[in-house]
Amino acid sequence: MAKVVYGSGKVRVAVDGTLDRTIRAAVKAASQGLSDGIEALIDDVSADAKKAWYEQVDKRTGKSQSSITPEMRLTTDKVTGVVYATQKATYMIKRPGPLSMLSPTYVIPADEYGKVYAYVIKNGSFPPGYKGLIASDGHPYRVRKLRPNPKASDGKNMWQQNVLRPGRKRIKASVRQIEKAAKKAVKGVSRG
């Protein structure tokens, strides 16, 4: 076992024997307590982001939600918890804007089409709440009725709103709990 030297600034202390074993056990227990707290934190952030993901946008392939991944990164000098996406497109998804509209894939019924047809012929454009194409002779075709998107929101980036911001809030709220877990782990270490 290598000789352990602890220090800060110009002060250095070399320890061995029982004190060395106790300090090593305390450091190991504290790091385990920290890693357990951090792992629980990133698992919660990841689970909450996945849960809220399709409440805000429509599901197409499901790849963006399933790509949200928590990961623990342990090195000799730090323990890091990271939530990342394996699909790069996940970082680019935005919630629908406040003026977002939906149009069905089907064309409107014939009686409704007659009213829209008369409006387009008279005004040269579609009435509010409808969209479609106007032929070169002025006749409308592929007419669809628009409706407000029920998931209309602020148009902000989903990754930032569902992962980064809640993650920062959880970190601030969890710092005390992680410190307590580390202290509890260190207290459980036998002394000698």
N, C-alpha and C. Protein backbone atom coordinates (compact mmCIF):
# COMPACT_ATOMS: atom_id res chain seq x y z
N MET A 1 0.85 -1.17 0.00
CA MET A 1 0.00 0.00 0.00
C MET A 1 0.90 1.24 0.00
N ALA A 2 0.56 2.16 -0.85
CA ALA A 2 1.36 3.36 -0.97
C ALA A 2 1.18 4.28 0.23
N LYS A 3 2.20 5.05 0.50
CA LYS A 3 2.15 6.05 1.57
C LYS A 3 1.20 7.16 1.15
N VAL A 4 0.34 7.61 2.05
CA VAL A 4 -0.64 8.64 1.73
C VAL A 4 -0.22 9.95 2.37
N VAL A 5 -0.21 11.00 1.55
CA VAL A 5 0.14 12.33 2.04
C VAL A 5 -1.06 13.23 1.76
N TYR A 6 -1.58 13.85 2.82
CA TYR A 6 -2.68 14.79 2.70
C TYR A 6 -2.11 16.18 2.86
N GLY A 7 -2.67 17.13 2.13
CA GLY A 7 -2.14 18.47 2.27
C GLY A 7 -3.03 19.51 1.66
N SER A 8 -2.73 20.74 2.09
CA SER A 8 -3.40 21.90 1.55
C SER A 8 -2.45 23.07 1.69
N GLY A 9 -2.17 23.73 0.60
CA GLY A 9 -1.22 24.84 0.66
C GLY A 9 0.17 24.32 0.97
N LYS A 10 0.83 24.88 1.99
CA LYS A 10 2.19 24.47 2.35
C LYS A 10 2.21 23.38 3.40
N VAL A 11 1.05 23.04 3.96
CA VAL A 11 0.98 22.04 5.02
C VAL A 11 0.79 20.66 4.40
N ARG A 12 1.65 19.70 4.79
CA ARG A 12 1.56 18.32 4.31
C ARG A 12 1.66 17.39 5.52
N VAL A 13 0.81 16.35 5.51
CA VAL A 13 0.84 15.38 6.60
C VAL A 13 0.86 13.99 6.00
N ALA A 14 1.81 13.18 6.39
CA ALA A 14 1.88 11.79 5.95
C ALA A 14 1.27 10.92 7.04
N VAL A 15 0.40 9.98 6.64
CA VAL A 15 -0.24 9.10 7.62
C VAL A 15 0.00 7.65 7.24
N ASP A 16 -0.03 6.79 8.26
CA ASP A 16 0.07 5.36 8.02
C ASP A 16 -0.66 4.62 9.12
N GLY A 17 -0.72 3.32 9.02
CA GLY A 17 -1.33 2.50 10.06
C GLY A 17 -2.84 2.67 10.15
N THR A 18 -3.32 2.70 11.39
CA THR A 18 -4.76 2.75 11.67
C THR A 18 -5.39 4.03 11.12
N LEU A 19 -4.73 5.15 11.28
CA LEU A 19 -5.26 6.41 10.78
C LEU A 19 -5.41 6.37 9.26
N ASP A 20 -4.43 5.80 8.59
CA ASP A 20 -4.49 5.69 7.13
C ASP A 20 -5.68 4.83 6.70
N ARG A 21 -5.86 3.68 7.35
CA ARG A 21 -6.98 2.79 7.01
C ARG A 21 -8.32 3.47 7.28
N THR A 22 -8.42 4.21 8.38
CA THR A 22 -9.66 4.90 8.72
C THR A 22 -9.97 5.99 7.70
N ILE A 23 -8.97 6.76 7.33
CA ILE A 23 -9.16 7.83 6.35
C ILE A 23 -9.56 7.25 4.99
N ARG A 24 -8.88 6.19 4.57
CA ARG A 24 -9.23 5.55 3.29
C ARG A 24 -10.67 5.04 3.30
N ALA A 25 -11.08 4.41 4.41
CA ALA A 25 -12.44 3.90 4.51
C ALA A 25 -13.45 5.04 4.50
N ALA A 26 -13.14 6.14 5.17
CA ALA A 26 -14.04 7.29 5.21
C ALA A 26 -14.18 7.91 3.82
N VAL A 27 -13.08 8.04 3.10
CA VAL A 27 -13.13 8.61 1.75
C VAL A 27 -13.93 7.70 0.82
N LYS A 28 -13.70 6.39 0.93
CA LYS A 28 -14.44 5.44 0.09
C LYS A 28 -15.93 5.48 0.41
N ALA A 29 -16.29 5.53 1.71
CA ALA A 29 -17.69 5.58 2.11
C ALA A 29 -18.35 6.89 1.68
N ALA A 30 -17.62 7.99 1.81
CA ALA A 30 -18.17 9.29 1.41
C ALA A 30 -18.41 9.32 -0.10
N SER A 31 -17.46 8.81 -0.86
CA SER A 31 -17.63 8.82 -2.32
C SER A 31 -18.77 7.91 -2.73
N GLN A 32 -18.96 6.79 -2.01
CA GLN A 32 -20.09 5.91 -2.31
C GLN A 32 -21.41 6.61 -1.99
N GLY A 33 -21.46 7.32 -0.86
CA GLY A 33 -22.66 8.08 -0.51
C GLY A 33 -22.96 9.16 -1.53
N LEU A 34 -21.91 9.85 -1.98
CA LEU A 34 -22.09 10.88 -3.01
C LEU A 34 -22.59 10.28 -4.31
N SER A 35 -21.95 9.19 -4.73
CA SER A 35 -22.35 8.59 -6.01
C SER A 35 -23.77 8.05 -5.95
N ASP A 36 -24.19 7.51 -4.80
CA ASP A 36 -25.57 7.03 -4.68
C ASP A 36 -26.55 8.19 -4.78
N GLY A 37 -26.25 9.31 -4.13
CA GLY A 37 -27.12 10.48 -4.19
C GLY A 37 -27.19 11.07 -5.58
N ILE A 38 -26.06 11.17 -6.25
CA ILE A 38 -26.02 11.72 -7.60
C ILE A 38 -26.75 10.80 -8.57
N GLU A 39 -26.56 9.49 -8.41
CA GLU A 39 -27.23 8.53 -9.30
C GLU A 39 -28.75 8.61 -9.15
N ALA A 40 -29.23 8.72 -7.92
CA ALA A 40 -30.67 8.85 -7.70
C ALA A 40 -31.20 10.14 -8.33
N LEU A 41 -30.42 11.21 -8.23
CA LEU A 41 -30.81 12.50 -8.79
C LEU A 41 -30.96 12.43 -10.31
N ILE A 42 -29.95 11.89 -11.00
CA ILE A 42 -30.02 11.86 -12.47
C ILE A 42 -31.06 10.86 -12.96
N ASP A 43 -31.28 9.78 -12.20
CA ASP A 43 -32.34 8.84 -12.58
C ASP A 43 -33.71 9.52 -12.51
N ASP A 44 -33.93 10.33 -11.47
CA ASP A 44 -35.20 11.04 -11.33
C ASP A 44 -35.39 12.07 -12.44
N VAL A 45 -34.35 12.83 -12.75
CA VAL A 45 -34.44 13.84 -13.81
C VAL A 45 -34.75 13.17 -15.15
N SER A 46 -34.07 12.07 -15.43
CA SER A 46 -34.28 11.34 -16.68
C SER A 46 -35.70 10.77 -16.76
N ALA A 47 -36.16 10.16 -15.67
CA ALA A 47 -37.51 9.57 -15.66
C ALA A 47 -38.59 10.64 -15.83
N ASP A 48 -38.43 11.78 -15.16
CA ASP A 48 -39.41 12.86 -15.28
C ASP A 48 -39.42 13.44 -16.70
N ALA A 49 -38.25 13.58 -17.30
CA ALA A 49 -38.18 14.11 -18.67
C ALA A 49 -38.86 13.16 -19.64
N LYS A 50 -38.62 11.86 -19.49
CA LYS A 50 -39.27 10.89 -20.37
C LYS A 50 -40.78 10.89 -20.18
N LYS A 51 -41.22 11.03 -18.95
CA LYS A 51 -42.65 11.02 -18.65
C LYS A 51 -43.35 12.23 -19.28
N ALA A 52 -42.74 13.40 -19.20
CA ALA A 52 -43.36 14.63 -19.69
C ALA A 52 -43.13 14.88 -21.18
N TRP A 53 -42.27 14.09 -21.82
CA TRP A 53 -41.86 14.36 -23.21
C TRP A 53 -43.05 14.41 -24.16
N TYR A 54 -43.88 13.37 -24.19
CA TYR A 54 -44.97 13.33 -25.17
C TYR A 54 -46.25 13.96 -24.66
N GLU A 55 -46.21 14.58 -23.49
CA GLU A 55 -47.33 15.42 -23.08
C GLU A 55 -47.25 16.77 -23.80
N GLN A 56 -46.10 17.08 -24.38
CA GLN A 56 -45.87 18.39 -24.98
C GLN A 56 -45.73 18.36 -26.50
N VAL A 57 -45.39 17.23 -27.05
CA VAL A 57 -45.29 17.08 -28.51
C VAL A 57 -45.96 15.77 -28.92
N ASP A 58 -46.31 15.65 -30.20
CA ASP A 58 -46.91 14.41 -30.68
C ASP A 58 -45.83 13.36 -30.93
N LYS A 59 -46.16 12.13 -30.61
CA LYS A 59 -45.22 11.03 -30.79
C LYS A 59 -45.21 10.60 -32.25
N ARG A 60 -44.02 10.46 -32.80
CA ARG A 60 -43.89 9.95 -34.17
C ARG A 60 -43.18 8.61 -34.13
N THR A 61 -41.88 8.60 -33.88
CA THR A 61 -41.15 7.33 -33.83
C THR A 61 -40.86 6.88 -32.41
N GLY A 62 -40.83 7.79 -31.46
CA GLY A 62 -40.51 7.44 -30.07
C GLY A 62 -39.02 7.43 -29.78
N LYS A 63 -38.19 7.69 -30.80
CA LYS A 63 -36.74 7.64 -30.61
C LYS A 63 -36.22 8.77 -29.73
N SER A 64 -36.82 9.94 -29.80
CA SER A 64 -36.31 11.06 -29.01
C SER A 64 -36.51 10.79 -27.52
N GLN A 65 -37.64 10.25 -27.14
CA GLN A 65 -37.89 9.97 -25.73
C GLN A 65 -36.99 8.83 -25.23
N SER A 66 -36.87 7.79 -26.02
CA SER A 66 -36.07 6.64 -25.58
C SER A 66 -34.57 6.93 -25.58
N SER A 67 -34.16 8.01 -26.24
CA SER A 67 -32.73 8.31 -26.27
C SER A 67 -32.25 9.09 -25.04
N ILE A 68 -33.17 9.51 -24.16
CA ILE A 68 -32.77 10.22 -22.94
C ILE A 68 -32.16 9.21 -21.99
N THR A 69 -30.87 9.40 -21.67
CA THR A 69 -30.11 8.40 -20.94
C THR A 69 -29.35 9.01 -19.76
N PRO A 70 -29.51 8.45 -18.55
CA PRO A 70 -28.69 8.90 -17.42
C PRO A 70 -27.38 8.09 -17.40
N GLU A 71 -26.30 8.73 -16.95
CA GLU A 71 -25.01 8.03 -16.91
C GLU A 71 -24.18 8.56 -15.74
N MET A 72 -23.55 7.65 -15.03
CA MET A 72 -22.61 8.01 -13.97
C MET A 72 -21.21 7.93 -14.54
N ARG A 73 -20.41 8.96 -14.28
CA ARG A 73 -19.02 8.99 -14.76
C ARG A 73 -18.12 9.13 -13.54
N LEU A 74 -17.37 8.10 -13.26
CA LEU A 74 -16.49 8.07 -12.10
C LEU A 74 -15.05 8.16 -12.54
N THR A 75 -14.32 9.10 -11.98
CA THR A 75 -12.88 9.22 -12.22
C THR A 75 -12.19 9.23 -10.87
N THR A 76 -10.88 9.29 -10.88
CA THR A 76 -10.15 9.27 -9.62
C THR A 76 -10.40 10.51 -8.77
N ASP A 77 -10.77 11.61 -9.40
CA ASP A 77 -10.93 12.85 -8.63
C ASP A 77 -12.36 13.40 -8.57
N LYS A 78 -13.32 12.77 -9.27
CA LYS A 78 -14.68 13.29 -9.19
C LYS A 78 -15.71 12.25 -9.60
N VAL A 79 -16.91 12.50 -9.14
CA VAL A 79 -18.08 11.69 -9.50
C VAL A 79 -19.04 12.63 -10.22
N THR A 80 -19.42 12.26 -11.43
CA THR A 80 -20.27 13.13 -12.23
C THR A 80 -21.50 12.35 -12.70
N GLY A 81 -22.65 12.97 -12.59
CA GLY A 81 -23.87 12.41 -13.13
C GLY A 81 -24.29 13.22 -14.34
N VAL A 82 -24.62 12.54 -15.44
CA VAL A 82 -24.95 13.22 -16.69
C VAL A 82 -26.23 12.62 -17.26
N VAL A 83 -27.11 13.47 -17.75
CA VAL A 83 -28.26 13.03 -18.53
C VAL A 83 -28.02 13.53 -19.95
N TYR A 84 -28.01 12.63 -20.91
CA TYR A 84 -27.75 13.02 -22.30
C TYR A 84 -28.68 12.26 -23.23
N ALA A 85 -28.68 12.64 -24.49
CA ALA A 85 -29.51 11.98 -25.50
C ALA A 85 -28.62 11.29 -26.51
N THR A 86 -28.93 10.04 -26.81
CA THR A 86 -28.14 9.30 -27.79
C THR A 86 -28.51 9.71 -29.22
N GLN A 87 -29.71 10.23 -29.42
CA GLN A 87 -30.13 10.75 -30.72
C GLN A 87 -29.90 12.26 -30.72
N LYS A 88 -29.05 12.74 -31.59
CA LYS A 88 -28.71 14.18 -31.62
C LYS A 88 -29.94 15.06 -31.87
N ALA A 89 -30.91 14.56 -32.62
CA ALA A 89 -32.10 15.35 -32.94
C ALA A 89 -32.92 15.67 -31.69
N THR A 90 -32.76 14.90 -30.63
CA THR A 90 -33.50 15.14 -29.39
C THR A 90 -33.22 16.52 -28.84
N TYR A 91 -31.99 17.00 -29.02
CA TYR A 91 -31.62 18.32 -28.51
C TYR A 91 -32.30 19.45 -29.28
N MET A 92 -32.80 19.19 -30.47
CA MET A 92 -33.35 20.23 -31.35
C MET A 92 -34.87 20.34 -31.31
N ILE A 93 -35.56 19.43 -30.68
CA ILE A 93 -37.02 19.41 -30.69
C ILE A 93 -37.57 20.59 -29.90
N LYS A 94 -38.55 21.25 -30.49
CA LYS A 94 -39.20 22.39 -29.83
C LYS A 94 -40.68 22.09 -29.63
N ARG A 95 -41.23 22.66 -28.56
CA ARG A 95 -42.65 22.53 -28.32
C ARG A 95 -43.40 23.35 -29.37
N PRO A 96 -44.65 23.00 -29.69
CA PRO A 96 -45.41 23.80 -30.64
C PRO A 96 -45.59 25.23 -30.13
N GLY A 97 -45.56 26.18 -31.04
CA GLY A 97 -45.74 27.58 -30.67
C GLY A 97 -47.18 27.91 -30.30
N PRO A 98 -47.42 29.10 -29.77
CA PRO A 98 -48.77 29.47 -29.32
C PRO A 98 -49.79 29.56 -30.45
N LEU A 99 -49.35 29.77 -31.67
CA LEU A 99 -50.27 29.88 -32.81
C LEU A 99 -50.33 28.58 -33.63
N SER A 100 -49.82 27.50 -33.09
CA SER A 100 -49.77 26.23 -33.80
C SER A 100 -51.17 25.72 -34.12
N MET A 101 -51.34 25.28 -35.36
CA MET A 101 -52.62 24.76 -35.82
C MET A 101 -52.41 23.36 -36.39
N LEU A 102 -53.46 22.56 -36.34
CA LEU A 102 -53.44 21.22 -36.92
C LEU A 102 -54.47 21.16 -38.04
N SER A 103 -54.16 20.39 -39.06
CA SER A 103 -55.15 20.14 -40.10
C SER A 103 -55.23 18.64 -40.30
N PRO A 104 -56.44 18.10 -40.39
CA PRO A 104 -56.56 16.66 -40.57
C PRO A 104 -56.10 16.24 -41.96
N THR A 105 -55.86 14.97 -42.13
CA THR A 105 -55.41 14.47 -43.42
C THR A 105 -56.58 14.32 -44.40
N TYR A 106 -57.80 14.33 -43.90
CA TYR A 106 -58.95 14.17 -44.77
C TYR A 106 -59.45 15.53 -45.26
N VAL A 107 -60.12 15.50 -46.39
CA VAL A 107 -60.69 16.70 -47.00
C VAL A 107 -62.07 16.94 -46.39
N ILE A 108 -62.50 18.21 -46.35
CA ILE A 108 -63.78 18.55 -45.71
C ILE A 108 -64.96 17.96 -46.49
N PRO A 109 -66.12 17.79 -45.81
CA PRO A 109 -67.32 17.26 -46.48
C PRO A 109 -67.82 18.19 -47.60
N ALA A 110 -68.64 17.65 -48.49
CA ALA A 110 -69.10 18.38 -49.68
C ALA A 110 -69.90 19.63 -49.34
N ASP A 111 -70.81 19.56 -48.35
CA ASP A 111 -71.62 20.74 -48.03
C ASP A 111 -70.75 21.88 -47.50
N GLU A 112 -69.76 21.53 -46.72
CA GLU A 112 -68.84 22.55 -46.19
C GLU A 112 -67.94 23.08 -47.32
N TYR A 113 -67.57 22.18 -48.24
CA TYR A 113 -66.73 22.58 -49.37
C TYR A 113 -67.45 23.64 -50.22
N GLY A 114 -68.76 23.51 -50.38
CA GLY A 114 -69.53 24.48 -51.16
C GLY A 114 -69.42 25.88 -50.60
N LYS A 115 -69.48 26.00 -49.27
CA LYS A 115 -69.36 27.30 -48.62
C LYS A 115 -67.96 27.88 -48.81
N VAL A 116 -66.94 27.02 -48.64
CA VAL A 116 -65.55 27.46 -48.81
C VAL A 116 -65.31 27.85 -50.26
N TYR A 117 -65.87 27.07 -51.19
CA TYR A 117 -65.72 27.33 -52.62
C TYR A 117 -66.25 28.72 -52.97
N ALA A 118 -67.44 29.02 -52.48
CA ALA A 118 -68.05 30.32 -52.75
C ALA A 118 -67.20 31.46 -52.17
N TYR A 119 -66.67 31.25 -50.98
CA TYR A 119 -65.82 32.27 -50.33
C TYR A 119 -64.54 32.49 -51.14
N VAL A 120 -63.90 31.41 -51.59
CA VAL A 120 -62.65 31.52 -52.35
C VAL A 120 -62.89 32.21 -53.69
N ILE A 121 -63.96 31.87 -54.38
CA ILE A 121 -64.27 32.49 -55.67
C ILE A 121 -64.50 33.99 -55.49
N LYS A 122 -65.20 34.35 -54.41
CA LYS A 122 -65.52 35.75 -54.15
C LYS A 122 -64.30 36.56 -53.70
N ASN A 123 -63.48 35.98 -52.78
CA ASN A 123 -62.39 36.75 -52.15
C ASN A 123 -60.99 36.40 -52.64
N GLY A 124 -60.83 35.29 -53.31
CA GLY A 124 -59.51 34.90 -53.81
C GLY A 124 -58.60 34.30 -52.74
N SER A 125 -59.13 34.04 -51.57
CA SER A 125 -58.36 33.40 -50.50
C SER A 125 -59.28 32.54 -49.65
N PHE A 126 -58.70 31.74 -48.79
CA PHE A 126 -59.51 30.85 -47.95
C PHE A 126 -60.08 31.61 -46.75
N PRO A 127 -61.26 31.18 -46.29
CA PRO A 127 -61.81 31.80 -45.09
C PRO A 127 -60.95 31.43 -43.87
N PRO A 128 -61.02 32.20 -42.81
CA PRO A 128 -60.25 31.86 -41.61
C PRO A 128 -60.62 30.46 -41.12
N GLY A 129 -59.60 29.69 -40.77
CA GLY A 129 -59.83 28.34 -40.26
C GLY A 129 -59.76 27.26 -41.32
N TYR A 130 -59.42 27.61 -42.56
CA TYR A 130 -59.31 26.62 -43.63
C TYR A 130 -57.99 26.83 -44.37
N LYS A 131 -57.52 25.75 -44.96
CA LYS A 131 -56.35 25.87 -45.83
C LYS A 131 -56.49 24.89 -46.97
N GLY A 132 -55.73 25.10 -48.01
CA GLY A 132 -55.77 24.24 -49.17
C GLY A 132 -54.99 24.89 -50.30
N LEU A 133 -55.28 24.46 -51.50
CA LEU A 133 -54.61 25.01 -52.68
C LEU A 133 -55.64 25.64 -53.60
N ILE A 134 -55.20 26.64 -54.34
CA ILE A 134 -56.08 27.30 -55.30
C ILE A 134 -55.50 27.06 -56.69
N ALA A 135 -56.31 26.48 -57.56
CA ALA A 135 -55.88 26.18 -58.93
C ALA A 135 -55.72 27.48 -59.73
N SER A 136 -55.08 27.37 -60.87
CA SER A 136 -54.82 28.55 -61.70
C SER A 136 -56.12 29.21 -62.17
N ASP A 137 -57.21 28.45 -62.25
CA ASP A 137 -58.49 29.04 -62.63
C ASP A 137 -59.27 29.60 -61.44
N GLY A 138 -58.68 29.56 -60.23
CA GLY A 138 -59.29 30.16 -59.04
C GLY A 138 -60.12 29.21 -58.20
N HIS A 139 -60.19 27.93 -58.57
CA HIS A 139 -60.99 26.97 -57.82
C HIS A 139 -60.15 26.32 -56.71
N PRO A 140 -60.71 26.20 -55.50
CA PRO A 140 -59.96 25.58 -54.41
C PRO A 140 -60.00 24.05 -54.50
N TYR A 141 -58.93 23.42 -54.06
CA TYR A 141 -58.90 21.95 -53.95
C TYR A 141 -58.02 21.56 -52.76
N ARG A 142 -58.16 20.31 -52.34
CA ARG A 142 -57.48 19.79 -51.14
C ARG A 142 -57.74 20.69 -49.92
N VAL A 143 -58.97 21.07 -49.74
CA VAL A 143 -59.35 21.99 -48.66
C VAL A 143 -59.45 21.22 -47.35
N ARG A 144 -58.84 21.75 -46.32
CA ARG A 144 -58.86 21.14 -44.98
C ARG A 144 -59.24 22.20 -43.96
N LYS A 145 -59.92 21.77 -42.93
CA LYS A 145 -60.31 22.67 -41.85
C LYS A 145 -59.23 22.65 -40.78
N LEU A 146 -58.78 23.82 -40.38
CA LEU A 146 -57.75 23.92 -39.35
C LEU A 146 -58.39 23.94 -37.96
N ARG A 147 -57.64 23.46 -36.99
CA ARG A 147 -58.08 23.55 -35.60
C ARG A 147 -56.85 23.87 -34.76
N PRO A 148 -57.04 24.53 -33.63
CA PRO A 148 -55.90 24.86 -32.77
C PRO A 148 -55.23 23.58 -32.25
N ASN A 149 -53.93 23.62 -32.17
CA ASN A 149 -53.17 22.48 -31.64
C ASN A 149 -53.40 22.42 -30.13
N PRO A 150 -53.91 21.29 -29.61
CA PRO A 150 -54.14 21.21 -28.16
C PRO A 150 -52.84 21.24 -27.35
N LYS A 151 -51.72 20.97 -28.01
CA LYS A 151 -50.43 20.99 -27.32
C LYS A 151 -49.67 22.30 -27.57
N ALA A 152 -50.38 23.30 -28.08
CA ALA A 152 -49.75 24.60 -28.33
C ALA A 152 -49.16 25.13 -27.03
N SER A 153 -47.96 25.66 -27.14
CA SER A 153 -47.25 26.10 -25.94
C SER A 153 -46.45 27.34 -26.30
N ASP A 154 -45.23 27.40 -25.79
CA ASP A 154 -44.40 28.58 -25.98
C ASP A 154 -43.34 28.43 -27.06
N GLY A 155 -43.23 27.27 -27.68
CA GLY A 155 -42.26 27.05 -28.74
C GLY A 155 -40.83 26.89 -28.26
N LYS A 156 -40.64 26.68 -26.96
CA LYS A 156 -39.28 26.59 -26.42
C LYS A 156 -38.69 25.20 -26.63
N ASN A 157 -37.38 25.13 -26.49
CA ASN A 157 -36.63 23.90 -26.68
C ASN A 157 -37.00 22.88 -25.60
N MET A 158 -37.37 21.68 -26.02
CA MET A 158 -37.80 20.64 -25.09
C MET A 158 -36.69 20.18 -24.17
N TRP A 159 -35.47 20.04 -24.69
CA TRP A 159 -34.36 19.56 -23.86
C TRP A 159 -34.10 20.52 -22.71
N GLN A 160 -34.09 21.78 -23.04
CA GLN A 160 -33.85 22.79 -22.01
C GLN A 160 -34.97 22.81 -20.97
N GLN A 161 -36.21 22.71 -21.42
CA GLN A 161 -37.36 22.80 -20.52
C GLN A 161 -37.60 21.53 -19.71
N ASN A 162 -37.26 20.36 -20.26
CA ASN A 162 -37.57 19.09 -19.58
C ASN A 162 -36.38 18.45 -18.88
N VAL A 163 -35.16 18.82 -19.26
CA VAL A 163 -33.98 18.18 -18.66
C VAL A 163 -33.12 19.19 -17.91
N LEU A 164 -32.66 20.23 -18.59
CA LEU A 164 -31.70 21.15 -17.99
C LEU A 164 -32.28 21.94 -16.82
N ARG A 165 -33.39 22.62 -17.03
CA ARG A 165 -33.96 23.45 -15.95
C ARG A 165 -34.43 22.62 -14.76
N PRO A 166 -35.20 21.55 -14.97
CA PRO A 166 -35.57 20.73 -13.81
C PRO A 166 -34.36 20.10 -13.13
N GLY A 167 -33.34 19.77 -13.92
CA GLY A 167 -32.12 19.20 -13.35
C GLY A 167 -31.42 20.18 -12.42
N ARG A 168 -31.32 21.44 -12.84
CA ARG A 168 -30.70 22.46 -11.99
C ARG A 168 -31.48 22.66 -10.70
N LYS A 169 -32.81 22.69 -10.82
CA LYS A 169 -33.65 22.87 -9.63
C LYS A 169 -33.48 21.69 -8.68
N ARG A 170 -33.42 20.49 -9.22
CA ARG A 170 -33.24 19.30 -8.38
C ARG A 170 -31.88 19.29 -7.72
N ILE A 171 -30.87 19.74 -8.45
CA ILE A 171 -29.52 19.77 -7.86
C ILE A 171 -29.51 20.71 -6.66
N LYS A 172 -30.08 21.90 -6.82
CA LYS A 172 -30.13 22.84 -5.71
C LYS A 172 -30.89 22.27 -4.53
N ALA A 173 -31.98 21.59 -4.80
CA ALA A 173 -32.80 21.02 -3.72
C ALA A 173 -32.14 19.79 -3.09
N SER A 174 -31.31 19.07 -3.85
CA SER A 174 -30.75 17.80 -3.37
C SER A 174 -29.37 17.91 -2.74
N VAL A 175 -28.74 19.05 -2.82
CA VAL A 175 -27.38 19.19 -2.29
C VAL A 175 -27.35 18.78 -0.82
N ARG A 176 -28.30 19.25 -0.05
CA ARG A 176 -28.36 18.91 1.39
C ARG A 176 -28.52 17.40 1.58
N GLN A 177 -29.39 16.78 0.82
CA GLN A 177 -29.62 15.35 0.95
C GLN A 177 -28.36 14.55 0.60
N ILE A 178 -27.67 14.97 -0.44
CA ILE A 178 -26.44 14.27 -0.84
C ILE A 178 -25.37 14.44 0.23
N GLU A 179 -25.25 15.64 0.79
CA GLU A 179 -24.29 15.87 1.89
C GLU A 179 -24.62 14.98 3.08
N LYS A 180 -25.91 14.88 3.42
CA LYS A 180 -26.31 14.03 4.55
C LYS A 180 -25.99 12.56 4.27
N ALA A 181 -26.21 12.12 3.04
CA ALA A 181 -25.92 10.73 2.69
C ALA A 181 -24.43 10.44 2.80
N ALA A 182 -23.61 11.40 2.38
CA ALA A 182 -22.16 11.22 2.48
C ALA A 182 -21.72 11.20 3.94
N LYS A 183 -22.26 12.10 4.77
CA LYS A 183 -21.91 12.13 6.20
C LYS A 183 -22.35 10.86 6.90
N LYS A 184 -23.54 10.37 6.54
CA LYS A 184 -24.05 9.13 7.14
C LYS A 184 -23.14 7.95 6.76
N ALA A 185 -22.69 7.93 5.53
CA ALA A 185 -21.80 6.86 5.09
C ALA A 185 -20.47 6.90 5.83
N VAL A 186 -19.96 8.12 6.05
CA VAL A 186 -18.67 8.28 6.74
C VAL A 186 -18.82 7.88 8.22
N LYS A 187 -19.96 8.21 8.84
CA LYS A 187 -20.18 7.86 10.23
C LYS A 187 -20.23 6.35 10.43
N GLY A 188 -20.63 5.64 9.40
CA GLY A 188 -20.73 4.18 9.49
C GLY A 188 -19.39 3.49 9.41
N VAL A 189 -18.32 4.21 9.13
CA VAL A 189 -16.98 3.62 9.02
C VAL A 189 -16.43 3.35 10.43
N SER A 190 -15.93 2.14 10.62
CA SER A 190 -15.34 1.81 11.93
C SER A 190 -14.00 2.51 12.08
N ARG A 191 -13.64 2.78 13.30
CA ARG A 191 -12.41 3.51 13.56
C ARG A 191 -11.33 2.59 14.07
N GLY A 192 -10.73 1.92 13.17
CA GLY A 192 -9.57 1.14 13.55
C GLY A 192 -9.87 -0.28 13.58
